[in-house]
Amino acid sequence: MYFSYEDIDRLINEDMTLFDLTEELLSIKTKGKISFFTRKEAVVTSNDLIEMLSNRLNLTVTFKEKNGKFIKAGSKLFECEGENVLILWKIAQNIYEYALSVSTYTYEMVKKAKKINPNIEILTTRKVIPFTKKIALSAIMDGGALPHRVTTTETILVFDNYINLYGGWEKFFEEFKNLKHRAIEKKWVVECDNLEKAKKLIDLKIDVIQLDKVDVETTKKIVEIAHRKDIKVLSAGGINKENITDYVKCGVDGIVTTAPYFAKGADVKVVINSL
């Protein structure tokens, strides 16, 4: 994931706008070593970002665990040393406690899904917490998932709200052949919430049907019909770690989820010592 210098400075300036009053009153001038440990099992993420923050603060990195690695409770995540360890402290801890929760939850969803179908993909939506997109996307990728849609630019995804402004579904069905030709190098993904519409989309030879909040039994029927025509099916809408296996067993090609972004925060221990 690419983080600009502007991203790094913004993270620092949000917490350290001028100076640390406590540090000044205690007249702390010594160099320190700061170490981060996870108190729970976790999938490592954001270490490249923490390293960039450390470099920006003129800290020397002495240990960095590999992103994407599953580690046990008590394991060290990162360590560095220098004069500005107190500045890094809460900035890095806040990033870790959000990002590790996302990566680990994602890992658990992926593990459950792949156990049933090794070829299925877990895809996360763009409904991220505002201003966390780069950190969140890094975390889900380290957890084994992929972004479903990062922005509105790179993929075609038709919802009812688009159709309402376009002129209705009948108009879309009539004009789809021309629409598909205009986007000759792109796949058309269309959201659907019932069997009747799914059948029409299959007859239309849509590339991918995205089922929104469709029950398991109906999902199975749609998957069976769609796969006969080599049309991919995604399940979306309220799918999380607790119910993911029900939808994977339906034979869908991918699961679209927002759940990892709102996983319960991780628990990261920070130890600072003087050098």
C-alpha atoms as a PDB file:
ATOM      1  CA  MET A   1       0.000   0.000   0.000  1.00  0.00           C
ATOM      2  CA  TYR A   2       1.345   3.433  -0.927  1.00  0.00           C
ATOM      3  CA  PHE A   3       1.440   6.037   1.840  1.00  0.00           C
ATOM      4  CA  SER A   4       2.588   9.541   0.907  1.00  0.00           C
ATOM      5  CA  TYR A   5       4.664  11.845   3.079  1.00  0.00           C
ATOM      6  CA  GLU A   6       1.468  13.852   3.465  1.00  0.00           C
ATOM      7  CA  ASP A   7      -0.242  10.789   4.956  1.00  0.00           C
ATOM      8  CA  ILE A   8       2.610  10.274   7.401  1.00  0.00           C
ATOM      9  CA  ASP A   9       2.746  13.905   8.485  1.00  0.00           C
ATOM     10  CA  ARG A  10      -1.010  14.027   8.929  1.00  0.00           C
ATOM     11  CA  LEU A  11      -0.931  11.024  11.276  1.00  0.00           C
ATOM     12  CA  ILE A  12       1.821  12.648  13.324  1.00  0.00           C
ATOM     13  CA  ASN A  13       0.205  16.090  13.386  1.00  0.00           C
ATOM     14  CA  GLU A  14      -3.144  14.730  14.556  1.00  0.00           C
ATOM     15  CA  ASP A  15      -1.516  13.714  17.852  1.00  0.00           C
ATOM     16  CA  MET A  16       1.599  15.886  18.134  1.00  0.00           C
ATOM     17  CA  THR A  17       0.483  19.311  16.971  1.00  0.00           C
ATOM     18  CA  LEU A  18       3.126  21.363  18.842  1.00  0.00           C
ATOM     19  CA  PHE A  19       4.878  19.596  21.715  1.00  0.00           C
ATOM     20  CA  ASP A  20       4.394  17.069  24.542  1.00  0.00           C
ATOM     21  CA  LEU A  21       3.670  19.077  27.704  1.00  0.00           C
ATOM     22  CA  THR A  22       4.277  16.090  29.987  1.00  0.00           C
ATOM     23  CA  GLU A  23       7.640  15.397  28.370  1.00  0.00           C
ATOM     24  CA  GLU A  24       8.643  19.031  28.749  1.00  0.00           C
ATOM     25  CA  LEU A  25       7.679  19.234  32.416  1.00  0.00           C
ATOM     26  CA  LEU A  26       9.630  16.041  33.171  1.00  0.00           C
ATOM     27  CA  SER A  27      12.593  17.382  31.164  1.00  0.00           C
ATOM     28  CA  ILE A  28      12.991  14.098  29.285  1.00  0.00           C
ATOM     29  CA  LYS A  29      15.971  14.303  26.930  1.00  0.00           C
ATOM     30  CA  THR A  30      17.185  10.694  26.802  1.00  0.00           C
ATOM     31  CA  LYS A  31      16.867   8.299  23.910  1.00  0.00           C
ATOM     32  CA  GLY A  32      14.501   5.379  24.298  1.00  0.00           C
ATOM     33  CA  LYS A  33      13.578   1.994  22.886  1.00  0.00           C
ATOM     34  CA  ILE A  34       9.921   1.301  22.105  1.00  0.00           C
ATOM     35  CA  SER A  35       8.508  -2.184  21.582  1.00  0.00           C
ATOM     36  CA  PHE A  36       5.005  -3.254  20.507  1.00  0.00           C
ATOM     37  CA  PHE A  37       3.512  -6.642  21.449  1.00  0.00           C
ATOM     38  CA  THR A  38       0.126  -8.189  20.700  1.00  0.00           C
ATOM     39  CA  ARG A  39      -1.737  -9.535  23.712  1.00  0.00           C
ATOM     40  CA  LYS A  40      -3.908 -11.721  21.462  1.00  0.00           C
ATOM     41  CA  GLU A  41      -3.343 -13.974  18.474  1.00  0.00           C
ATOM     42  CA  ALA A  42      -3.207 -11.744  15.422  1.00  0.00           C
ATOM     43  CA  VAL A  43      -2.309 -11.387  11.770  1.00  0.00           C
ATOM     44  CA  VAL A  44       0.456  -8.804  11.402  1.00  0.00           C
ATOM     45  CA  THR A  45      -0.361  -5.721   9.376  1.00  0.00           C
ATOM     46  CA  SER A  46       0.621  -2.046   9.024  1.00  0.00           C
ATOM     47  CA  ASN A  47       4.297  -2.634   9.806  1.00  0.00           C
ATOM     48  CA  ASP A  48       5.404  -0.848   6.641  1.00  0.00           C
ATOM     49  CA  LEU A  49       3.363   2.163   7.743  1.00  0.00           C
ATOM     50  CA  ILE A  50       4.822   2.058  11.263  1.00  0.00           C
ATOM     51  CA  GLU A  51       8.292   1.860   9.739  1.00  0.00           C
ATOM     52  CA  MET A  52       7.594   4.966   7.637  1.00  0.00           C
ATOM     53  CA  LEU A  53       6.407   6.802  10.742  1.00  0.00           C
ATOM     54  CA  SER A  54       9.554   5.729  12.564  1.00  0.00           C
ATOM     55  CA  ASN A  55      11.779   6.922   9.751  1.00  0.00           C
ATOM     56  CA  ARG A  56       9.986  10.246   9.642  1.00  0.00           C
ATOM     57  CA  LEU A  57      10.662  10.635  13.380  1.00  0.00           C
ATOM     58  CA  ASN A  58      14.357   9.744  12.914  1.00  0.00           C
ATOM     59  CA  LEU A  59      13.985   6.480  14.803  1.00  0.00           C
ATOM     60  CA  THR A  60      16.078   3.407  14.018  1.00  0.00           C
ATOM     61  CA  VAL A  61      14.073   0.242  13.397  1.00  0.00           C
ATOM     62  CA  THR A  62      15.581  -2.792  15.158  1.00  0.00           C
ATOM     63  CA  PHE A  63      12.787  -5.336  14.613  1.00  0.00           C
ATOM     64  CA  LYS A  64       9.832  -5.601  12.234  1.00  0.00           C
ATOM     65  CA  GLU A  65       7.627  -8.688  11.954  1.00  0.00           C
ATOM     66  CA  LYS A  66       6.447  -9.678   8.482  1.00  0.00           C
ATOM     67  CA  ASN A  67       3.039  -8.429   7.378  1.00  0.00           C
ATOM     68  CA  GLY A  68       0.505 -11.212   6.818  1.00  0.00           C
ATOM     69  CA  LYS A  69       2.103 -13.539   9.358  1.00  0.00           C
ATOM     70  CA  PHE A  70      -0.132 -15.166  11.975  1.00  0.00           C
ATOM     71  CA  ILE A  71       1.472 -14.703  15.409  1.00  0.00           C
ATOM     72  CA  LYS A  72       0.656 -15.911  18.907  1.00  0.00           C
ATOM     73  CA  ALA A  73      -0.370 -13.797  21.894  1.00  0.00           C
ATOM     74  CA  GLY A  74       2.639 -12.101  23.464  1.00  0.00           C
ATOM     75  CA  SER A  75       4.584 -11.880  20.195  1.00  0.00           C
ATOM     76  CA  LYS A  76       6.576  -8.788  19.287  1.00  0.00           C
ATOM     77  CA  LEU A  77       5.304  -6.741  16.364  1.00  0.00           C
ATOM     78  CA  PHE A  78       7.824  -3.958  16.013  1.00  0.00           C
ATOM     79  CA  GLU A  79      10.700  -2.256  17.787  1.00  0.00           C
ATOM     80  CA  CYS A  80      12.726   0.893  17.226  1.00  0.00           C
ATOM     81  CA  GLU A  81      14.835   3.383  19.146  1.00  0.00           C
ATOM     82  CA  GLY A  82      15.801   7.041  19.239  1.00  0.00           C
ATOM     83  CA  GLU A  83      14.748  10.402  20.660  1.00  0.00           C
ATOM     84  CA  ASN A  84      11.120  10.502  19.492  1.00  0.00           C
ATOM     85  CA  VAL A  85       9.702   7.234  20.789  1.00  0.00           C
ATOM     86  CA  LEU A  86       7.057   9.074  22.815  1.00  0.00           C
ATOM     87  CA  ILE A  87       5.688  10.649  19.637  1.00  0.00           C
ATOM     88  CA  LEU A  88       5.422   7.276  17.917  1.00  0.00           C
ATOM     89  CA  TRP A  89       3.808   5.614  20.933  1.00  0.00           C
ATOM     90  CA  LYS A  90       0.084   6.352  20.641  1.00  0.00           C
ATOM     91  CA  ILE A  91       0.078   6.976  16.901  1.00  0.00           C
ATOM     92  CA  ALA A  92       1.399   3.481  16.243  1.00  0.00           C
ATOM     93  CA  GLN A  93      -0.636   1.836  19.011  1.00  0.00           C
ATOM     94  CA  ASN A  94      -3.872   3.300  17.629  1.00  0.00           C
ATOM     95  CA  ILE A  95      -3.040   2.078  14.123  1.00  0.00           C
ATOM     96  CA  TYR A  96      -2.171  -1.396  15.374  1.00  0.00           C
ATOM     97  CA  GLU A  97      -5.270  -1.803  17.517  1.00  0.00           C
ATOM     98  CA  TYR A  98      -7.546  -0.971  14.600  1.00  0.00           C
ATOM     99  CA  ALA A  99      -5.576  -2.648  11.814  1.00  0.00           C
ATOM    100  CA  LEU A 100      -4.834  -5.888  13.660  1.00  0.00           C
ATOM    101  CA  SER A 101      -8.508  -6.334  14.468  1.00  0.00           C
ATOM    102  CA  VAL A 102      -9.342  -5.967  10.763  1.00  0.00           C
ATOM    103  CA  SER A 103      -6.591  -8.266   9.487  1.00  0.00           C
ATOM    104  CA  THR A 104      -7.291 -10.962  12.074  1.00  0.00           C
ATOM    105  CA  TYR A 105     -11.068 -10.945  11.556  1.00  0.00           C
ATOM    106  CA  THR A 106     -10.469 -11.133   7.807  1.00  0.00           C
ATOM    107  CA  TYR A 107      -8.084 -14.055   8.270  1.00  0.00           C
ATOM    108  CA  GLU A 108     -10.709 -15.925  10.284  1.00  0.00           C
ATOM    109  CA  MET A 109     -13.359 -15.384   7.607  1.00  0.00           C
ATOM    110  CA  VAL A 110     -10.994 -16.457   4.847  1.00  0.00           C
ATOM    111  CA  LYS A 111      -9.921 -19.559   6.776  1.00  0.00           C
ATOM    112  CA  LYS A 112     -13.536 -20.667   7.297  1.00  0.00           C
ATOM    113  CA  ALA A 113     -14.450 -20.071   3.660  1.00  0.00           C
ATOM    114  CA  LYS A 114     -11.377 -21.689   2.103  1.00  0.00           C
ATOM    115  CA  LYS A 115     -11.845 -24.802   4.226  1.00  0.00           C
ATOM    116  CA  ILE A 116     -15.071 -25.437   2.318  1.00  0.00           C
ATOM    117  CA  ASN A 117     -14.076 -23.995  -1.066  1.00  0.00           C
ATOM    118  CA  PRO A 118     -10.365 -23.274  -1.667  1.00  0.00           C
ATOM    119  CA  ASN A 119     -11.218 -21.253  -4.778  1.00  0.00           C
ATOM    120  CA  ILE A 120     -13.652 -18.801  -3.185  1.00  0.00           C
ATOM    121  CA  GLU A 121     -12.614 -15.183  -2.665  1.00  0.00           C
ATOM    122  CA  ILE A 122     -13.480 -12.916   0.248  1.00  0.00           C
ATOM    123  CA  LEU A 123     -13.997  -9.358  -0.960  1.00  0.00           C
ATOM    124  CA  THR A 124     -14.475  -6.275   1.194  1.00  0.00           C
ATOM    125  CA  THR A 125     -16.668  -3.312   0.314  1.00  0.00           C
ATOM    126  CA  ARG A 126     -15.745   0.350   0.177  1.00  0.00           C
ATOM    127  CA  LYS A 127     -17.893   1.095   3.243  1.00  0.00           C
ATOM    128  CA  VAL A 128     -14.821   1.779   5.364  1.00  0.00           C
ATOM    129  CA  ILE A 129     -14.653   4.053   8.394  1.00  0.00           C
ATOM    130  CA  PRO A 130     -13.869   7.518   6.924  1.00  0.00           C
ATOM    131  CA  PHE A 131     -10.149   8.342   6.556  1.00  0.00           C
ATOM    132  CA  THR A 132      -9.075   4.735   7.279  1.00  0.00           C
ATOM    133  CA  LYS A 133      -9.176   3.357   3.732  1.00  0.00           C
ATOM    134  CA  LYS A 134      -5.459   2.752   3.165  1.00  0.00           C
ATOM    135  CA  ILE A 135      -4.949   1.193   6.588  1.00  0.00           C
ATOM    136  CA  ALA A 136      -8.140  -0.882   6.279  1.00  0.00           C
ATOM    137  CA  LEU A 137      -7.337  -2.156   2.785  1.00  0.00           C
ATOM    138  CA  SER A 138      -3.788  -3.049   3.804  1.00  0.00           C
ATOM    139  CA  ALA A 139      -5.221  -4.980   6.739  1.00  0.00           C
ATOM    140  CA  ILE A 140      -7.769  -7.003   4.764  1.00  0.00           C
ATOM    141  CA  MET A 141      -5.167  -7.895   2.149  1.00  0.00           C
ATOM    142  CA  ASP A 142      -2.735  -9.031   4.853  1.00  0.00           C
ATOM    143  CA  GLY A 143      -5.627 -11.104   6.206  1.00  0.00           C
ATOM    144  CA  GLY A 144      -6.068 -12.864   2.858  1.00  0.00           C
ATOM    145  CA  ALA A 145      -8.967 -10.949   1.292  1.00  0.00           C
ATOM    146  CA  LEU A 146      -9.131  -8.530  -1.618  1.00  0.00           C
ATOM    147  CA  PRO A 147     -10.954  -5.230  -2.097  1.00  0.00           C
ATOM    148  CA  HIS A 148     -14.308  -5.659  -3.844  1.00  0.00           C
ATOM    149  CA  ARG A 149     -14.357  -2.095  -5.037  1.00  0.00           C
ATOM    150  CA  VAL A 150     -11.842   0.559  -3.937  1.00  0.00           C
ATOM    151  CA  THR A 151     -13.463   3.457  -5.811  1.00  0.00           C
ATOM    152  CA  THR A 152     -16.331   3.909  -8.250  1.00  0.00           C
ATOM    153  CA  THR A 153     -13.886   4.299 -11.135  1.00  0.00           C
ATOM    154  CA  GLU A 154     -12.355   0.887 -11.701  1.00  0.00           C
ATOM    155  CA  THR A 155     -15.405  -1.402 -11.765  1.00  0.00           C
ATOM    156  CA  ILE A 156     -18.990  -1.439 -13.008  1.00  0.00           C
ATOM    157  CA  LEU A 157     -21.485  -2.270 -10.281  1.00  0.00           C
ATOM    158  CA  VAL A 158     -25.167  -1.625 -10.992  1.00  0.00           C
ATOM    159  CA  PHE A 159     -27.487  -0.993  -8.051  1.00  0.00           C
ATOM    160  CA  ASP A 160     -31.204  -0.146  -7.973  1.00  0.00           C
ATOM    161  CA  ASN A 161     -30.333   3.487  -7.270  1.00  0.00           C
ATOM    162  CA  TYR A 162     -28.500   3.748 -10.593  1.00  0.00           C
ATOM    163  CA  ILE A 163     -31.421   2.114 -12.403  1.00  0.00           C
ATOM    164  CA  ASN A 164     -33.930   4.468 -10.758  1.00  0.00           C
ATOM    165  CA  LEU A 165     -32.125   7.407 -12.342  1.00  0.00           C
ATOM    166  CA  TYR A 166     -31.409   5.583 -15.591  1.00  0.00           C
ATOM    167  CA  GLY A 167     -35.058   4.954 -16.374  1.00  0.00           C
ATOM    168  CA  GLY A 168     -35.920   1.566 -14.934  1.00  0.00           C
ATOM    169  CA  TRP A 169     -34.926  -2.069 -15.304  1.00  0.00           C
ATOM    170  CA  GLU A 170     -36.845  -2.657 -18.527  1.00  0.00           C
ATOM    171  CA  LYS A 171     -34.871   0.096 -20.225  1.00  0.00           C
ATOM    172  CA  PHE A 172     -31.649  -1.427 -18.876  1.00  0.00           C
ATOM    173  CA  PHE A 173     -32.575  -4.890 -20.175  1.00  0.00           C
ATOM    174  CA  GLU A 174     -33.410  -3.469 -23.616  1.00  0.00           C
ATOM    175  CA  GLU A 175     -30.233  -1.426 -23.914  1.00  0.00           C
ATOM    176  CA  PHE A 176     -27.750  -3.719 -22.180  1.00  0.00           C
ATOM    177  CA  LYS A 177     -26.196  -5.037 -25.394  1.00  0.00           C
ATOM    178  CA  ASN A 178     -25.096  -1.532 -26.371  1.00  0.00           C
ATOM    179  CA  LEU A 179     -24.028  -0.702 -22.828  1.00  0.00           C
ATOM    180  CA  LYS A 180     -21.845  -3.793 -22.667  1.00  0.00           C
ATOM    181  CA  HIS A 181     -20.201  -2.915 -25.964  1.00  0.00           C
ATOM    182  CA  ARG A 182     -19.281   0.550 -24.681  1.00  0.00           C
ATOM    183  CA  ALA A 183     -17.401  -1.026 -21.766  1.00  0.00           C
ATOM    184  CA  ILE A 184     -15.778  -3.666 -23.912  1.00  0.00           C
ATOM    185  CA  GLU A 185     -12.876  -4.408 -21.496  1.00  0.00           C
ATOM    186  CA  LYS A 186     -14.931  -4.363 -18.284  1.00  0.00           C
ATOM    187  CA  LYS A 187     -17.159  -6.912 -16.595  1.00  0.00           C
ATOM    188  CA  TRP A 188     -20.697  -5.992 -15.633  1.00  0.00           C
ATOM    189  CA  VAL A 189     -21.649  -6.759 -12.039  1.00  0.00           C
ATOM    190  CA  VAL A 190     -25.336  -6.266 -11.253  1.00  0.00           C
ATOM    191  CA  GLU A 191     -26.959  -6.449  -7.835  1.00  0.00           C
ATOM    192  CA  CYS A 192     -30.047  -8.609  -7.455  1.00  0.00           C
ATOM    193  CA  ASP A 193     -32.277  -9.509  -4.523  1.00  0.00           C
ATOM    194  CA  ASN A 194     -34.637 -12.156  -5.903  1.00  0.00           C
ATOM    195  CA  LEU A 195     -34.826 -15.231  -8.135  1.00  0.00           C
ATOM    196  CA  GLU A 196     -36.988 -13.655 -10.849  1.00  0.00           C
ATOM    197  CA  LYS A 197     -34.576 -10.807 -11.516  1.00  0.00           C
ATOM    198  CA  ALA A 198     -31.628 -13.178 -11.332  1.00  0.00           C
ATOM    199  CA  LYS A 199     -33.113 -15.303 -14.123  1.00  0.00           C
ATOM    200  CA  LYS A 200     -33.518 -12.219 -16.323  1.00  0.00           C
ATOM    201  CA  LEU A 201     -29.912 -11.197 -15.683  1.00  0.00           C
ATOM    202  CA  ILE A 202     -28.717 -14.704 -16.517  1.00  0.00           C
ATOM    203  CA  ASP A 203     -30.665 -14.657 -19.782  1.00  0.00           C
ATOM    204  CA  LEU A 204     -29.053 -11.282 -20.478  1.00  0.00           C
ATOM    205  CA  LYS A 205     -25.594 -12.870 -19.998  1.00  0.00           C
ATOM    206  CA  ILE A 206     -24.503 -10.514 -17.257  1.00  0.00           C
ATOM    207  CA  ASP A 207     -20.919 -11.269 -16.210  1.00  0.00           C
ATOM    208  CA  VAL A 208     -21.487 -11.370 -12.443  1.00  0.00           C
ATOM    209  CA  ILE A 209     -24.626 -11.346 -10.274  1.00  0.00           C
ATOM    210  CA  GLN A 210     -24.249  -9.892  -6.810  1.00  0.00           C
ATOM    211  CA  LEU A 211     -26.954 -11.198  -4.478  1.00  0.00           C
ATOM    212  CA  ASP A 212     -27.930  -8.769  -1.736  1.00  0.00           C
ATOM    213  CA  LYS A 213     -29.477 -10.234   1.422  1.00  0.00           C
ATOM    214  CA  VAL A 214     -30.799 -13.254  -0.457  1.00  0.00           C
ATOM    215  CA  ASP A 215     -31.608 -16.293   1.695  1.00  0.00           C
ATOM    216  CA  VAL A 216     -29.523 -19.448   1.486  1.00  0.00           C
ATOM    217  CA  GLU A 217     -32.046 -21.633  -0.361  1.00  0.00           C
ATOM    218  CA  THR A 218     -32.672 -19.012  -3.067  1.00  0.00           C
ATOM    219  CA  THR A 219     -28.927 -18.437  -3.371  1.00  0.00           C
ATOM    220  CA  LYS A 220     -28.406 -22.139  -4.086  1.00  0.00           C
ATOM    221  CA  LYS A 221     -31.007 -22.051  -6.876  1.00  0.00           C
ATOM    222  CA  ILE A 222     -29.498 -18.959  -8.479  1.00  0.00           C
ATOM    223  CA  VAL A 223     -25.958 -20.359  -8.305  1.00  0.00           C
ATOM    224  CA  GLU A 224     -27.054 -23.575 -10.012  1.00  0.00           C
ATOM    225  CA  ILE A 225     -28.743 -21.712 -12.883  1.00  0.00           C
ATOM    226  CA  ALA A 226     -25.982 -19.101 -13.259  1.00  0.00           C
ATOM    227  CA  HIS A 227     -23.116 -21.580 -13.332  1.00  0.00           C
ATOM    228  CA  ARG A 228     -24.729 -23.442 -16.204  1.00  0.00           C
ATOM    229  CA  LYS A 229     -24.231 -20.254 -18.242  1.00  0.00           C
ATOM    230  CA  ASP A 230     -20.723 -19.600 -16.817  1.00  0.00           C
ATOM    231  CA  ILE A 231     -21.963 -16.581 -14.862  1.00  0.00           C
ATOM    232  CA  LYS A 232     -20.280 -15.821 -11.557  1.00  0.00           C
ATOM    233  CA  VAL A 233     -22.282 -15.222  -8.370  1.00  0.00           C
ATOM    234  CA  LEU A 234     -21.343 -13.149  -5.332  1.00  0.00           C
ATOM    235  CA  SER A 235     -23.199 -13.082  -2.012  1.00  0.00           C
ATOM    236  CA  ALA A 236     -23.410  -9.832  -0.084  1.00  0.00           C
ATOM    237  CA  GLY A 237     -25.390  -8.195   2.672  1.00  0.00           C
ATOM    238  CA  GLY A 238     -24.876  -8.955   6.341  1.00  0.00           C
ATOM    239  CA  ILE A 239     -22.340 -11.737   5.846  1.00  0.00           C
ATOM    240  CA  ASN A 240     -19.862 -12.073   8.694  1.00  0.00           C
ATOM    241  CA  LYS A 241     -17.691 -14.579  10.545  1.00  0.00           C
ATOM    242  CA  GLU A 242     -20.726 -16.243  12.109  1.00  0.00           C
ATOM    243  CA  ASN A 243     -22.738 -17.021   8.957  1.00  0.00           C
ATOM    244  CA  ILE A 244     -20.139 -17.106   6.177  1.00  0.00           C
ATOM    245  CA  THR A 245     -20.045 -20.909   5.917  1.00  0.00           C
ATOM    246  CA  ASP A 246     -23.777 -21.047   5.119  1.00  0.00           C
ATOM    247  CA  TYR A 247     -23.199 -18.947   1.988  1.00  0.00           C
ATOM    248  CA  VAL A 248     -19.946 -20.614   0.963  1.00  0.00           C
ATOM    249  CA  LYS A 249     -21.789 -23.965   0.942  1.00  0.00           C
ATOM    250  CA  CYS A 250     -24.206 -22.504  -1.620  1.00  0.00           C
ATOM    251  CA  GLY A 251     -21.414 -22.574  -4.194  1.00  0.00           C
ATOM    252  CA  VAL A 252     -21.026 -18.818  -4.683  1.00  0.00           C
ATOM    253  CA  ASP A 253     -17.792 -17.620  -6.260  1.00  0.00           C
ATOM    254  CA  GLY A 254     -17.162 -14.852  -3.766  1.00  0.00           C
ATOM    255  CA  ILE A 255     -18.351 -13.292  -0.528  1.00  0.00           C
ATOM    256  CA  VAL A 256     -18.707  -9.520  -0.288  1.00  0.00           C
ATOM    257  CA  THR A 257     -18.478  -8.207   3.254  1.00  0.00           C
ATOM    258  CA  THR A 258     -18.036  -5.102   5.377  1.00  0.00           C
ATOM    259  CA  ALA A 259     -17.744  -6.943   8.694  1.00  0.00           C
ATOM    260  CA  PRO A 260     -13.924  -6.888   9.073  1.00  0.00           C
ATOM    261  CA  TYR A 261     -13.836  -3.086   9.143  1.00  0.00           C
ATOM    262  CA  PHE A 262     -15.883  -3.061  12.337  1.00  0.00           C
ATOM    263  CA  ALA A 263     -14.212  -5.916  14.177  1.00  0.00           C
ATOM    264  CA  LYS A 264     -13.526  -5.517  17.890  1.00  0.00           C
ATOM    265  CA  GLY A 265     -10.230  -3.739  18.531  1.00  0.00           C
ATOM    266  CA  ALA A 266      -7.029  -5.677  19.097  1.00  0.00           C
ATOM    267  CA  ASP A 267      -4.997  -5.322  22.294  1.00  0.00           C
ATOM    268  CA  VAL A 268      -1.432  -4.066  21.862  1.00  0.00           C
ATOM    269  CA  LYS A 269       1.059  -3.647  24.683  1.00  0.00           C
ATOM    270  CA  VAL A 270       3.708  -0.911  24.427  1.00  0.00           C
ATOM    271  CA  VAL A 271       6.951  -0.968  26.395  1.00  0.00           C
ATOM    272  CA  ILE A 272       9.337   2.005  26.447  1.00  0.00           C
ATOM    273  CA  ASN A 273      12.758   1.875  28.082  1.00  0.00           C
ATOM    274  CA  SER A 274      15.619   4.344  28.210  1.00  0.00           C
ATOM    275  CA  LEU A 275      18.860   3.619  26.350  1.00  0.00           C
END
